[in-house]
Amino acid sequence: MNHYETSTPRTASAIAAIAMTAITIALLIVAPANVEPDSLGLFVHGASKLVMPAPSEVVIKPAQIDVVAVREPSLPIAQVRAEKRKPKQEG
């Protein structure tokens, strides 16, 4: 009986995929969790120099908005009575 032998490119691709997954997890999850707070000081110092514009007052004209609504005429509701059915006799 002949035994199946895996080809080298398939094995190499599997190893490369596992390696790339490990690198991705390390860069996107583990590395940001290990960043020391001292290194974040540069970002905070740079953000403190930002100049925010002064708030301005907004005037809404007209100061009052009137909403007019018209209700549709109500339709008469027909009441339907359920009939009591007599049970059928077996036999």
Protein backbone atom coordinates (compact mmCIF):
# COMPACT_ATOMS: atom_id res chain seq x y z
CA MET A 1 0.00 0.00 0.00
CA ASN A 2 1.28 3.47 -0.88
CA HIS A 3 1.49 5.98 1.94
CA TYR A 4 0.59 9.60 1.37
CA GLU A 5 3.51 11.95 1.76
CA THR A 6 2.81 15.61 2.41
CA SER A 7 4.48 18.02 0.07
CA THR A 8 7.01 20.53 1.38
CA PRO A 9 5.13 23.67 0.24
CA ARG A 10 2.03 22.67 2.21
CA THR A 11 4.05 22.08 5.37
CA ALA A 12 6.03 25.28 4.86
CA SER A 13 2.81 27.24 4.34
CA ALA A 14 1.35 25.84 7.56
CA ILE A 15 4.46 26.79 9.53
CA ALA A 16 4.48 30.27 7.98
CA ALA A 17 0.79 30.75 8.84
CA ILE A 18 1.36 29.75 12.46
CA ALA A 19 4.36 32.09 12.70
CA MET A 20 2.43 35.03 11.21
CA THR A 21 -0.45 34.40 13.62
CA ALA A 22 1.93 34.45 16.59
CA ILE A 23 3.58 37.67 15.36
CA THR A 24 0.19 39.34 14.83
CA ILE A 25 -1.02 38.43 18.32
CA ALA A 26 2.25 39.61 19.84
CA LEU A 27 2.16 42.97 18.06
CA LEU A 28 -1.53 43.76 18.47
CA ILE A 29 -2.29 42.38 21.94
CA VAL A 30 0.80 41.66 24.00
CA ALA A 31 2.97 44.64 23.02
CA PRO A 32 0.38 47.39 23.77
CA ALA A 33 -0.34 45.78 27.16
CA ASN A 34 3.36 46.00 28.07
CA VAL A 35 3.83 49.68 27.16
CA GLU A 36 5.13 51.54 30.20
CA PRO A 37 3.27 54.66 31.37
CA ASP A 38 6.48 56.77 31.19
CA SER A 39 6.65 56.38 27.44
CA LEU A 40 3.12 57.80 27.14
CA GLY A 41 4.30 61.12 28.60
CA LEU A 42 5.44 62.33 25.19
CA PHE A 43 1.93 61.93 23.81
CA VAL A 44 0.31 63.72 26.76
CA HIS A 45 2.81 66.59 26.59
CA GLY A 46 2.17 67.05 22.88
CA ALA A 47 -1.60 66.98 23.36
CA SER A 48 -1.45 69.72 26.01
CA LYS A 49 -0.23 72.23 23.41
CA LEU A 50 -3.42 71.97 21.36
CA VAL A 51 -5.45 75.18 21.18
CA MET A 52 -9.19 74.72 21.31
CA PRO A 53 -11.40 77.38 19.67
CA ALA A 54 -13.54 79.46 22.01
CA PRO A 55 -17.17 78.36 22.21
CA SER A 56 -19.57 80.53 20.25
CA GLU A 57 -23.20 81.31 20.98
CA VAL A 58 -25.81 80.05 18.56
CA VAL A 59 -29.07 81.88 17.95
CA ILE A 60 -32.05 79.92 16.67
CA LYS A 61 -34.55 81.94 14.65
CA PRO A 62 -37.48 81.62 15.05
CA ALA A 63 -37.14 80.93 18.75
CA GLN A 64 -40.41 79.01 18.75
CA ILE A 65 -41.50 76.21 16.44
CA ASP A 66 -45.23 75.51 16.13
CA VAL A 67 -46.23 72.01 15.13
CA VAL A 68 -49.73 71.49 13.79
CA ALA A 69 -51.13 68.02 13.42
CA VAL A 70 -54.49 66.81 12.18
CA ARG A 71 -55.85 63.52 13.35
CA GLU A 72 -57.47 61.31 10.73
CA PRO A 73 -61.16 60.68 11.28
CA SER A 74 -61.68 57.51 13.21
CA LEU A 75 -63.27 54.62 11.37
CA PRO A 76 -66.13 52.78 12.98
CA ILE A 77 -64.99 49.47 14.33
CA ALA A 78 -67.28 46.59 13.52
CA GLN A 79 -67.72 44.16 16.35
CA VAL A 80 -67.77 40.56 15.26
CA ARG A 81 -69.36 38.00 17.49
CA ALA A 82 -67.92 34.54 17.54
CA GLU A 83 -70.45 31.83 16.88
CA LYS A 84 -70.66 29.00 19.32
CA ARG A 85 -70.42 25.80 17.36
CA LYS A 86 -72.26 22.78 18.48
CA PRO A 87 -70.08 19.74 19.00
CA LYS A 88 -70.57 17.09 16.37
CA GLN A 89 -72.04 13.85 17.53
CA GLU A 90 -70.02 10.80 16.83
CA GLY A 91 -71.75 7.78 15.64
